[in-house]
Protein backbone atom coordinates (compact mmCIF):
# COMPACT_ATOMS: atom_id res chain seq x y z
CA MET A 1 0.00 0.00 0.00
CA LYS A 2 2.83 2.35 0.94
CA LYS A 3 4.44 1.87 -2.49
CA LEU A 4 1.14 2.49 -4.26
CA MET A 5 0.41 5.73 -2.41
CA PRO A 6 2.52 8.13 -4.57
CA ALA A 7 1.09 6.69 -7.80
CA LEU A 8 -2.46 6.70 -6.46
CA MET A 9 -2.11 10.26 -5.26
CA ALA A 10 -0.70 11.33 -8.62
CA VAL A 11 -3.73 9.86 -10.42
CA ILE A 12 -6.17 11.53 -8.02
CA VAL A 13 -4.43 14.88 -8.28
CA ALA A 14 -4.41 14.62 -12.08
CA ILE A 15 -8.15 13.87 -12.16
CA ALA A 16 -8.94 16.73 -9.79
CA LEU A 17 -6.79 19.22 -11.66
CA SER A 18 -8.26 18.21 -14.99
CA SER A 19 -11.53 19.86 -13.94
CA LEU A 20 -9.67 23.17 -13.86
CA THR A 21 -7.22 23.07 -16.77
CA PRO A 22 -6.20 26.77 -16.57
CA LEU A 23 -4.81 26.23 -13.08
CA ALA A 24 -2.32 23.66 -14.29
CA SER A 25 -1.02 25.82 -17.12
CA SER A 26 1.09 28.03 -14.84
CA ALA A 27 3.21 25.12 -13.65
CA GLU A 28 3.59 23.78 -17.19
CA LYS A 29 4.82 27.18 -18.41
CA HIS A 30 7.21 27.62 -15.48
CA PRO A 31 8.61 24.15 -14.63
CA GLU A 32 11.85 25.72 -13.37
CA LYS A 33 10.11 27.70 -10.61
CA THR A 34 9.57 26.58 -7.03
CA PRO A 35 6.02 26.58 -5.63
CA ALA A 36 6.83 29.68 -3.56
CA GLU A 37 8.01 31.55 -6.64
CA ILE A 38 4.87 30.60 -8.52
CA ALA A 39 2.67 31.66 -5.57
CA SER A 40 4.17 35.12 -5.34
CA GLY A 41 4.32 35.75 -9.09
CA ALA A 42 1.77 36.64 -11.71
CA ASN A 43 1.17 32.92 -12.45
CA SER A 44 0.11 31.67 -9.04
CA MET A 45 -3.08 29.89 -10.02
CA PHE A 46 -1.53 26.43 -10.17
CA PHE A 47 0.07 26.79 -6.77
CA CYS A 48 -3.18 27.83 -5.03
CA GLY A 49 -5.20 25.40 -7.10
CA TYR A 50 -2.92 22.51 -6.10
CA CYS A 51 -4.68 22.33 -2.75
CA HIS A 52 -7.93 24.22 -3.30
CA ILE A 53 -9.01 22.27 -6.36
CA LEU A 54 -8.76 19.19 -4.14
CA THR A 55 -10.97 20.73 -1.47
CA TYR A 56 -13.71 22.61 -3.30
CA PRO A 57 -13.36 21.90 -7.03
CA ARG A 58 -16.63 23.51 -8.16
CA VAL A 59 -16.11 26.61 -6.02
CA ILE A 60 -12.52 27.23 -7.05
CA LYS A 61 -13.45 26.64 -10.69
CA LYS A 62 -16.14 29.35 -10.52
CA ALA A 63 -13.77 31.71 -8.70
CA HIS A 64 -11.13 31.20 -11.36
CA ALA A 65 -13.62 31.74 -14.19
CA SER A 66 -14.86 35.04 -12.70
CA TRP A 67 -11.25 36.14 -12.01
CA LYS A 68 -10.37 35.54 -15.66
CA GLU A 69 -13.10 37.99 -16.75
CA SER A 70 -12.25 40.63 -14.12
CA LYS A 71 -10.10 43.76 -14.33
CA HIS A 72 -7.65 42.04 -11.97
CA ASN A 73 -6.93 39.05 -14.21
CA ASN A 74 -3.27 40.01 -14.41
CA VAL A 75 -2.90 39.99 -10.62
CA ALA A 76 -1.74 36.85 -8.81
CA CYS A 77 -3.95 35.20 -6.16
CA ALA A 78 -1.44 35.82 -3.40
CA ASP A 79 -1.09 39.50 -4.30
CA CYS A 80 -4.67 40.11 -3.18
CA HIS A 81 -5.34 37.36 -0.67
CA TYR A 82 -2.21 37.97 1.43
CA PRO A 83 -0.75 41.26 2.72
CA PRO A 84 2.59 42.25 1.20
CA GLY A 85 5.40 40.06 2.57
CA GLU A 86 3.07 37.80 4.58
CA LEU A 87 2.37 34.85 2.30
CA ASP A 88 1.68 32.38 5.13
CA ALA A 89 0.02 34.80 7.60
CA GLY A 90 -3.47 34.31 8.93
CA VAL A 91 -4.06 30.70 7.86
CA PRO A 92 -2.10 28.20 10.02
CA GLU A 93 -2.41 25.43 7.41
CA HIS A 94 -0.49 27.58 4.92
CA ARG A 95 2.62 27.68 7.09
CA SER A 96 3.72 24.34 5.70
CA ILE A 97 3.83 25.79 2.18
CA PRO A 98 7.45 25.91 0.91
CA ASN A 99 9.00 29.36 0.71
CA ASP A 100 12.34 30.84 -0.26
CA LYS A 101 13.44 31.37 3.34
CA GLU A 102 13.58 27.63 3.98
CA GLY A 103 16.56 25.46 3.24
CA GLU A 104 16.58 22.69 0.64
CA GLU A 105 15.85 19.98 3.21
CA GLU A 106 12.87 21.82 4.70
CA ARG A 107 11.46 22.51 1.27
CA LYS A 108 11.80 18.87 0.25
CA ARG A 109 10.12 17.79 3.48
CA ASP A 110 7.17 20.11 2.95
CA ILE A 111 6.66 19.06 -0.66
CA GLU A 112 6.70 15.42 0.36
CA PHE A 113 4.14 16.19 3.08
CA MET A 114 1.82 17.76 0.51
CA LYS A 115 2.18 14.79 -1.85
CA THR A 116 2.14 11.71 0.37
CA GLU A 117 0.20 12.48 3.54
CA LEU A 118 -2.56 9.86 3.92
CA GLU A 119 -4.76 12.54 5.47
CA VAL A 120 -4.91 14.34 2.13
CA LEU A 121 -6.35 11.25 0.46
CA SER A 122 -8.97 10.66 3.14
CA ARG A 123 -10.09 14.29 2.99
CA LEU A 124 -10.15 14.23 -0.77
CA VAL A 125 -12.55 11.28 -0.90
CA THR A 126 -14.95 13.12 1.42
CA ILE A 127 -14.65 16.53 -0.22
CA LEU A 128 -15.14 15.41 -3.80
CA ASN A 129 -18.51 13.96 -2.75
CA MET A 130 -19.69 17.20 -1.13
CA ASP A 131 -22.67 19.15 -2.45
CA GLU A 132 -21.88 22.29 -4.41
CA SER A 133 -23.39 24.36 -1.61
CA SER A 134 -20.74 23.18 0.88
CA VAL A 135 -18.15 25.94 0.86
CA LEU A 136 -15.47 27.31 3.11
CA ARG A 137 -15.94 30.66 4.87
CA ARG A 138 -15.08 33.43 2.44
CA PRO A 139 -11.49 34.71 2.70
CA ARG A 140 -10.60 38.09 4.15
CA LEU A 141 -8.59 40.57 2.14
CA ASP A 142 -6.24 42.96 3.89
CA ASP A 143 -6.45 46.62 2.78
CA ARG A 144 -2.67 46.68 2.38
CA SER A 145 -2.97 44.32 -0.58
CA CYS A 146 -5.14 46.84 -2.43
CA ARG A 147 -3.37 50.02 -1.38
CA THR A 148 0.21 49.23 -2.35
CA ARG A 149 2.09 51.78 -4.46
CA ASP A 150 1.79 49.46 -7.46
CA CYS A 151 -2.00 49.12 -7.20
CA HIS A 152 -4.29 51.70 -5.54
CA PRO A 153 -2.28 54.03 -3.27
CA PRO A 154 -4.58 56.58 -1.58
CA GLU A 155 -2.06 59.39 -1.98
CA GLY A 156 1.37 60.19 -3.33
CA GLY A 157 1.16 57.55 -6.04
CA GLY A 158 1.00 59.73 -9.11
CA GLU A 159 -1.45 58.54 -11.74
CA LYS A 160 -2.24 55.38 -9.76
CA SER A 161 -3.65 57.38 -6.84
CA GLU A 162 -6.02 59.40 -9.00
CA TYR A 163 -8.76 56.85 -8.30
CA TRP A 164 -8.93 58.14 -4.69
CA GLU A 165 -10.57 61.44 -5.69
CA LYS A 166 -11.64 60.58 -9.22
CA LYS A 167 -15.39 60.64 -9.95
CA ILE A 168 -16.38 57.14 -11.00
CA THR A 169 -19.70 56.58 -12.78
CA PHE A 170 -21.69 54.24 -10.55
CA ALA A 171 -24.89 54.30 -12.61
CA GLU A 172 -26.64 56.17 -15.39
CA VAL A 173 -30.35 56.99 -15.23
CA GLU A 174 -32.58 57.75 -18.19
CA LYS A 175 -35.93 59.42 -17.48
CA ASP A 176 -38.86 59.80 -19.87
CA GLY A 177 -36.65 59.27 -22.87
CA LYS A 178 -34.42 62.20 -21.92
CA PRO A 179 -30.59 61.96 -21.82
CA LYS A 180 -29.08 59.87 -19.07
CA SER A 181 -27.97 61.51 -15.83
CA ARG A 182 -24.88 60.16 -14.10
CA ILE A 183 -24.56 59.04 -10.51
CA ASP A 184 -20.91 59.48 -9.53
CA PHE A 185 -18.90 57.98 -6.71
CA THR A 186 -15.57 58.85 -5.06
CA HIS A 187 -13.56 56.56 -2.77
CA LYS A 188 -12.26 59.40 -0.59
CA GLU A 189 -15.74 60.53 0.49
CA HIS A 190 -16.66 57.03 1.63
CA TYR A 191 -13.44 56.51 3.57
CA ASP A 192 -14.08 59.50 5.85
CA GLU A 193 -14.06 58.12 9.41
CA LYS A 194 -16.51 60.80 10.58
CA LYS A 195 -19.16 59.17 8.40
CA TRP A 196 -18.66 55.63 9.66
CA VAL A 197 -21.32 53.93 11.74
CA LYS A 198 -20.43 53.58 15.42
CA GLY A 199 -18.08 50.63 15.92
CA ASP A 200 -17.52 50.27 12.17
CA GLU A 201 -14.26 50.41 10.26
CA MET A 202 -14.31 50.66 6.49
CA HIS A 203 -12.26 48.18 4.48
CA CYS A 204 -11.92 47.77 0.75
CA THR A 205 -14.01 44.60 1.06
CA THR A 206 -16.79 46.42 2.92
CA CYS A 207 -17.99 47.44 -0.54
CA HIS A 208 -15.94 45.27 -2.92
CA LYS A 209 -16.72 41.58 -2.58
CA HIS A 210 -17.63 38.50 -4.55
CA GLU A 211 -21.44 38.75 -4.64
CA THR A 212 -22.41 36.91 -7.81
CA ARG A 213 -21.10 34.16 -10.04
CA GLY A 214 -20.34 36.53 -12.89
CA LYS A 215 -17.97 38.95 -11.14
CA HIS A 216 -14.95 38.21 -9.01
CA PHE A 217 -14.73 41.50 -7.12
CA GLU A 218 -17.72 43.83 -7.29
CA THR A 219 -19.75 46.39 -5.40
CA SER A 220 -23.32 45.61 -4.43
CA LYS A 221 -26.09 48.20 -4.84
CA ALA A 222 -27.93 46.41 -2.03
CA ASP A 223 -25.14 47.41 0.37
CA CYS A 224 -25.14 50.99 -0.92
CA PHE A 225 -28.87 51.38 -0.29
CA LEU A 226 -28.61 49.78 3.13
CA CYS A 227 -25.87 52.15 4.33
CA HIS A 228 -27.53 55.26 2.92
CA PHE A 229 -31.11 54.64 4.04
CA VAL A 230 -31.31 52.43 7.13
CA ASN A 231 -32.41 54.46 10.18
CA ALA A 232 -32.17 57.65 8.12
CA GLU A 233 -34.81 60.30 7.47
CA MET A 234 -35.55 60.87 3.79
CA ASN A 235 -33.33 63.54 2.24
CA LYS A 236 -31.40 64.07 5.47
CA ASP A 237 -27.72 63.44 6.26
CA ARG A 238 -26.45 60.28 4.52
CA ALA A 239 -29.85 59.84 2.82
CA LYS A 240 -29.68 63.28 1.20
CA CYS A 241 -30.73 62.94 -2.44
CA SER A 242 -28.12 65.40 -3.75
CA LEU A 243 -25.28 63.15 -2.53
CA CYS A 244 -25.93 60.98 -5.57
CA HIS A 245 -28.49 62.72 -7.75
CA GLU A 246 -28.40 66.03 -9.56
CA ILE A 247 -31.56 67.80 -8.38
CA PRO A 248 -33.74 68.79 -11.40
CA THR A 249 -34.14 72.48 -12.12
CA ARG A 250 -36.86 72.33 -14.78
CA PRO A 251 -40.49 73.09 -13.80
CA LEU A 252 -42.52 70.11 -12.63
CA GLN A 253 -45.99 71.02 -13.85
CA GLN A 254 -47.11 71.03 -17.45
CA GLN A 255 -46.48 74.50 -18.81
CA LYS A 256 -49.27 76.63 -20.22
CA LYS A 257 -49.73 76.50 -23.92
CA GLU A 258 -48.54 79.39 -26.02
CA GLY A 259 -51.06 82.24 -26.03
CA GLU A 260 -52.72 81.29 -22.72
CA GLU A 261 -52.99 84.04 -20.17
CA LYS A 262 -50.48 83.90 -17.35
CA LYS A 263 -51.26 85.34 -13.93
CA ASP A 264 -48.84 87.80 -12.36
CA ASP A 265 -48.32 85.74 -9.19
CA GLU A 266 -47.89 82.44 -11.03
CA GLU A 267 -44.44 80.88 -10.67
CA PRO A 268 -43.22 77.58 -12.07
CA ILE A 269 -43.05 74.77 -9.50
CA THR A 270 -39.48 73.51 -9.16
CA HIS A 271 -37.65 71.28 -6.68
CA LYS A 272 -35.83 74.37 -5.44
CA LYS A 273 -39.11 76.13 -4.65
CA LEU A 274 -40.46 73.03 -2.89
CA GLU A 275 -37.28 72.79 -0.81
CA GLU A 276 -37.53 76.47 0.19
CA ASN A 277 -41.14 75.94 1.26
CA LYS A 278 -40.11 72.82 3.22
CA VAL A 279 -42.47 70.55 1.30
CA PRO A 280 -41.67 66.97 2.48
CA CYS A 281 -40.03 64.75 -0.13
CA GLU A 282 -42.30 61.90 1.00
CA GLY A 283 -45.23 63.72 -0.64
CA CYS A 284 -44.02 62.57 -4.07
CA HIS A 285 -41.18 60.09 -3.49
CA LEU A 286 -42.25 57.89 -0.57
CA GLU A 287 -42.10 54.70 -2.64
CA VAL A 288 -38.48 55.07 -3.84
CA VAL A 289 -37.09 53.77 -0.53
CA ARG A 290 -38.68 50.53 0.62
CA GLY A 291 -37.70 48.20 3.43
CA SER A 292 -36.57 48.87 6.99
CA GLY A 293 -33.08 47.37 6.86
CA GLN A 294 -33.61 46.15 10.41
CA VAL A 295 -31.75 43.18 11.88
CA ASN A 296 -33.65 39.93 12.22
CA LEU A 297 -32.16 38.23 15.29
CA GLU A 298 -32.94 34.82 13.81
CA LYS A 299 -30.15 35.49 11.31
CA CYS A 300 -27.67 35.41 14.19
CA LEU A 301 -28.37 31.70 14.54
CA ASP A 302 -27.09 31.05 11.02
CA CYS A 303 -23.58 31.50 12.41
CA HIS A 304 -23.90 31.44 16.22
CA ASP A 305 -25.33 29.08 18.80
CA ASN A 306 -28.36 30.38 20.65
CA GLU A 307 -26.47 31.23 23.82
CA GLU A 308 -27.22 34.06 26.22
CA GLU A 309 -23.65 35.39 26.14
CA THR A 310 -23.75 35.66 22.34
CA MET A 311 -27.24 37.08 21.98
CA LYS A 312 -27.15 39.71 24.73
CA TYR A 313 -25.17 42.11 22.52
CA ALA A 314 -27.28 41.45 19.41
CA LYS A 315 -29.10 44.79 19.62
CA GLU A 316 -26.06 46.92 20.51
CA LEU A 317 -24.77 48.88 17.54
CA GLU A 318 -21.09 49.33 18.44
CA PRO A 319 -20.07 45.76 19.38
CA MET A 320 -22.08 44.31 16.49
CA HIS A 321 -20.33 46.45 13.85
CA LYS A 322 -16.95 46.04 15.52
CA GLU A 323 -17.13 42.23 15.57
CA HIS A 324 -18.75 41.74 12.17
CA VAL A 325 -17.95 44.67 9.85
CA ALA A 326 -14.67 46.03 11.18
CA ALA A 327 -13.36 42.48 11.75
CA GLN A 328 -14.65 41.39 8.31
CA THR A 329 -16.46 38.33 9.63
CA ALA A 330 -19.81 39.08 7.97
CA ARG A 331 -21.45 41.19 5.31
CA CYS A 332 -24.04 43.86 5.97
CA ILE A 333 -26.70 41.89 4.13
CA ASN A 334 -25.99 38.78 6.25
CA CYS A 335 -27.60 40.55 9.21
CA HIS A 336 -29.80 43.33 7.84
CA GLU A 337 -33.01 43.03 5.87
CA PRO A 338 -32.51 44.60 2.42
CA VAL A 339 -33.54 48.15 1.51
CA GLU A 340 -34.79 48.76 -2.04
CA HIS A 341 -34.27 52.02 -3.89
CA LYS A 342 -36.18 52.15 -7.16
CA LYS A 343 -39.38 53.31 -8.78
CA ALA A 344 -42.62 51.60 -7.81
CA ASP A 345 -46.37 52.17 -7.70
CA PHE A 346 -46.42 55.45 -5.78
CA LEU A 347 -50.15 55.43 -4.89
CA ASP A 348 -50.56 51.90 -3.55
CA TYR A 349 -47.32 52.04 -1.59
CA ALA A 350 -48.42 55.24 0.18
CA ARG A 351 -51.99 53.96 0.63
CA LEU A 352 -50.80 50.91 2.55
CA GLN A 353 -48.43 52.80 4.88
CA CYS A 354 -50.96 53.26 7.71
CA THR A 355 -48.47 54.70 10.17
CA ARG A 356 -47.72 57.66 7.86
CA CYS A 357 -51.13 59.14 8.71
CA HIS A 358 -51.75 57.23 11.95
CA PRO A 359 -48.38 57.33 13.77
CA ASP A 360 -49.94 56.12 17.05
CA HIS A 361 -52.70 54.02 15.57
CA HIS A 362 -54.90 52.36 18.24
CA ILE A 363 -52.60 53.59 21.02
CA TYR A 364 -55.52 53.91 23.46
CA GLN A 365 -56.60 50.34 22.79
CA ARG A 366 -53.07 49.18 23.51
CA LYS A 367 -52.98 51.07 26.82
CA LEU A 368 -56.24 49.46 27.89
CA LEU A 369 -55.17 45.96 26.89
CA LEU A 370 -51.87 46.32 28.78
CA GLY A 371 -53.69 47.91 31.73
CA GLU A 372 -50.97 50.49 32.33
CA ALA A 373 -52.28 53.82 31.04
CA THR A 374 -51.46 55.82 34.19
CA GLU A 375 -49.35 55.54 37.32
CA GLU A 376 -52.40 56.51 39.39
CA ALA A 377 -53.96 53.08 38.90
CA ALA A 378 -52.48 49.65 39.58
CA LYS A 379 -51.47 47.69 36.49
CA THR A 380 -54.47 45.57 35.44
CA PRO A 381 -53.98 43.71 32.13
CA ASN A 382 -56.88 42.49 30.04
CA LEU A 383 -58.38 39.18 31.23
CA MET A 384 -56.97 37.36 28.19
CA PHE A 385 -53.55 39.00 28.34
CA GLU A 386 -51.91 35.92 29.87
CA VAL A 387 -52.90 33.75 26.89
CA LYS A 388 -51.60 36.41 24.47
CA THR A 389 -54.90 37.06 22.74
CA ASN A 390 -54.28 39.83 20.20
CA CYS A 391 -56.61 42.00 18.08
CA THR A 392 -57.41 39.25 15.57
CA GLY A 393 -58.65 36.95 18.32
CA CYS A 394 -61.77 39.10 18.85
CA HIS A 395 -62.05 41.08 15.61
CA VAL A 396 -63.54 38.40 13.40
CA GLU A 397 -66.57 39.99 11.72
CA GLU A 398 -66.30 41.91 8.46
CA LYS A 399 -68.33 45.12 8.34
CA THR A 400 -68.44 48.29 6.24
CA ALA A 401 -67.69 51.64 7.85
CA LYS A 402 -67.64 54.86 5.81
CA GLY A 403 -67.60 52.81 2.65
CA GLU A 404 -64.54 50.79 3.70
CA LYS A 405 -64.36 47.17 4.81
CA VAL A 406 -63.14 46.70 8.37
CA ILE A 407 -62.80 43.66 10.63
CA SER A 408 -64.81 44.44 13.74
CA GLY A 409 -64.99 42.90 17.21
CA SER A 410 -67.88 40.50 17.55
CA ALA A 411 -69.58 38.33 20.16
CA LYS A 412 -68.89 35.45 17.79
CA GLY A 413 -65.26 35.64 18.90
CA CYS A 414 -66.38 35.13 22.51
CA VAL A 415 -68.49 32.08 21.59
CA ASP A 416 -65.77 30.52 19.44
CA CYS A 417 -63.37 30.41 22.40
CA HIS A 418 -65.80 30.07 25.31
CA THR A 419 -69.44 28.91 25.35
CA LYS A 420 -72.75 29.96 23.86
CA ARG A 421 -73.73 31.79 27.04
CA HIS A 422 -70.73 34.12 26.57
CA GLU A 423 -72.50 35.63 23.55
CA ALA A 424 -74.19 38.20 25.84
CA MET A 425 -70.90 39.14 27.55
CA LEU A 426 -69.81 41.78 25.03
CA THR A 427 -73.17 43.59 25.25
CA GLU A 428 -73.01 43.53 29.06
CA TRP A 429 -69.54 45.08 29.00
CA LYS A 430 -70.61 47.81 26.56
CA ASP A 431 -73.65 48.68 28.66
CA LYS A 432 -71.61 48.86 31.87
CA ILE A 433 -68.96 51.14 30.35
CA LYS A 434 -71.64 53.38 28.85
CA GLU A 435 -73.37 53.67 32.24
CA GLU A 436 -70.13 54.61 33.99
CA LEU A 437 -69.25 57.25 31.39
CA GLU A 438 -72.70 58.82 31.68
CA SER A 439 -72.39 58.96 35.46
CA ILE A 440 -69.12 60.90 35.30
CA SER A 441 -70.38 63.39 32.69
CA GLU A 442 -72.14 65.49 35.36
CA VAL A 443 -68.99 65.69 37.51
CA GLN A 444 -66.99 66.68 34.43
CA LYS A 445 -69.54 69.42 33.66
CA ASP A 446 -69.22 70.74 37.24
CA ALA A 447 -65.44 70.95 36.81
CA GLU A 448 -65.80 72.87 33.52
CA ASP A 449 -68.26 75.32 35.18
CA ALA A 450 -65.83 75.82 38.08
CA ILE A 451 -63.00 76.73 35.65
CA GLU A 452 -65.25 79.21 33.82
CA LYS A 453 -66.29 80.79 37.13
CA ALA A 454 -62.64 81.12 38.21
CA LYS A 455 -61.87 82.99 34.98
CA GLN A 456 -64.83 85.36 35.47
CA GLU A 457 -63.82 86.07 39.07
CA ASN A 458 -60.21 86.75 38.02
CA ALA A 459 -58.91 83.99 40.30
CA PRO A 460 -55.14 84.02 40.95
CA ALA A 461 -53.18 82.66 38.01
CA GLU A 462 -51.63 79.93 40.16
CA LYS A 463 -55.06 78.68 41.31
CA LEU A 464 -56.42 78.70 37.76
CA LYS A 465 -53.36 76.77 36.54
CA THR A 466 -53.85 74.15 39.27
CA MET A 467 -57.50 73.75 38.34
CA LEU A 468 -56.68 73.35 34.63
CA ASP A 469 -53.94 70.81 35.37
CA SER A 470 -56.33 68.71 37.45
CA TYR A 471 -59.10 68.94 34.83
CA ASN A 472 -56.77 68.02 31.95
CA LYS A 473 -55.53 64.95 33.83
CA GLY A 474 -59.12 63.81 34.27
CA LEU A 475 -59.94 64.51 30.62
CA ALA A 476 -56.87 62.62 29.36
CA THR A 477 -57.80 59.64 31.53
CA ILE A 478 -61.43 59.55 30.48
CA ASN A 479 -60.46 59.86 26.79
CA ILE A 480 -58.50 56.61 27.04
CA VAL A 481 -61.73 54.83 27.92
CA LYS A 482 -63.85 56.74 25.37
CA PHE A 483 -61.56 56.53 22.35
CA GLY A 484 -59.94 53.23 23.26
CA ASN A 485 -63.36 51.57 23.72
CA GLY A 486 -63.53 50.43 27.32
CA VAL A 487 -64.59 46.90 26.40
CA HIS A 488 -60.94 46.16 25.59
CA ASN A 489 -60.46 45.97 29.37
CA LYS A 490 -63.72 46.46 31.29
CA LYS A 491 -62.26 46.18 34.79
CA TYR A 492 -59.40 48.59 34.11
CA SER A 493 -61.72 51.05 32.31
CA ILE A 494 -63.88 51.37 35.42
CA ILE A 495 -60.75 51.99 37.51
CA LEU A 496 -59.71 54.76 35.07
CA ILE A 497 -63.18 56.34 35.25
CA ASP A 498 -62.79 56.47 39.04
CA VAL A 499 -59.38 58.15 38.65
CA ALA A 500 -60.88 60.74 36.27
CA PHE A 501 -63.80 61.25 38.70
CA GLY A 502 -61.30 62.22 41.41
CA HIS A 503 -59.54 64.76 39.17
CA PHE A 504 -62.82 66.44 38.19
CA GLU A 505 -63.92 66.67 41.83
CA ASP A 506 -60.53 68.13 42.79
CA THR A 507 -60.95 70.77 40.08
CA THR A 508 -64.24 71.91 41.60
CA ASP A 509 -62.90 71.79 45.18
CA ILE A 510 -59.87 73.98 44.35
CA LEU A 511 -62.16 76.88 43.45
CA SER A 512 -63.62 77.01 46.98
CA GLU A 513 -60.20 76.87 48.67
CA GLU A 514 -58.97 80.07 50.31
């Protein structure tokens, strides 16, 4: 068996390498070179492929194909994937690779290790049977590899450093058949530390990475949109439209036909005029930014175990960006939900954004259900709070209100969960709340009369202020029951009515105080 090993390994290596013919060509063209010389030169593909084609043949074949079509196809693997002068740094397994610093004996030993180790054969049998989706973690690239004087120096590099401040066309936009407008990009603006997210540290690979099969080293628009729009107000700070777009200067409305009378005070509507009048951009462009970009904590479990120590920092901005972005262990899109930036149906998108017009929609109902609307009353959650019954548990009947279909609360929901005799429960609750609200209306009226009397009698300003404060507290409390519909928590609603009753009585009593 021992005698057969070298021959067997040679056959296996030949079969594996045959699936990636271009990798072998470097060694054939340079038979006089040592592996280390090949690795550090412009023809390093064979040297890297010697091992990597044995581990992930399909993956390395795709990587090589996309590299061949890239702008960097004249750059050796090691020139990008290892910092200058550190060929074996970062990956312990690579330290056994022969290099020029070793003596002849060490080099011979290492080459023999790579050729004859039984472990290589056993791994090869397993790896060649892997699914295509089984891949190693993506490699990190050190910024120093990109920013050498021979490649992309940020400054002092003559023509090669022009890219740092040069305007690069990121995209071209054509509108209504009119000439395309350019969206330009500069590296220097994006590498400004003052603009980085807390805990972040920009690297070349923060933007440039292998995203698709077709390109070896590309920028992703998805990442651009995420950085510019997540947790940002439209047209403010990093989401400011003019950072990328040239703001139109032509009038927006259709101009009057020739010969039509023009009024003296009539001015063309332009973006500049709208900006001066502080017209919100959302009024016309709400749909162009879609998606929250928020982090779904379930994504953490794709890489981490569900352990308390790991998850307790999941919502903290600084450590998350430091450990994942600055350390280059993950991509933005691995954690964040995507943000889209493109044209869409502007009416339907706005129509379905309820919170745009109702920012605190059903807030009173929520306060009643939680039973914690005020500190003046003990917390008293809804009877079904413990079993986590939400709105859809009781709102089961479709009705029409003001011409629009709504799902309303119904006694049917009570019967479906409880018994037939519970059908009358909802009506009983409504009647009780109505009775209590009617009983407090007289006390509220007395308080309002007392305030009016205080004003007519020119009561001291301090006394009038105290009366108004007390009355407003009562009114705010009673409104929770009125507008939140007290049946959402009958018991708590009655408690709140009692609290409001006390405030209205206090208002009246303050007037008679000396």
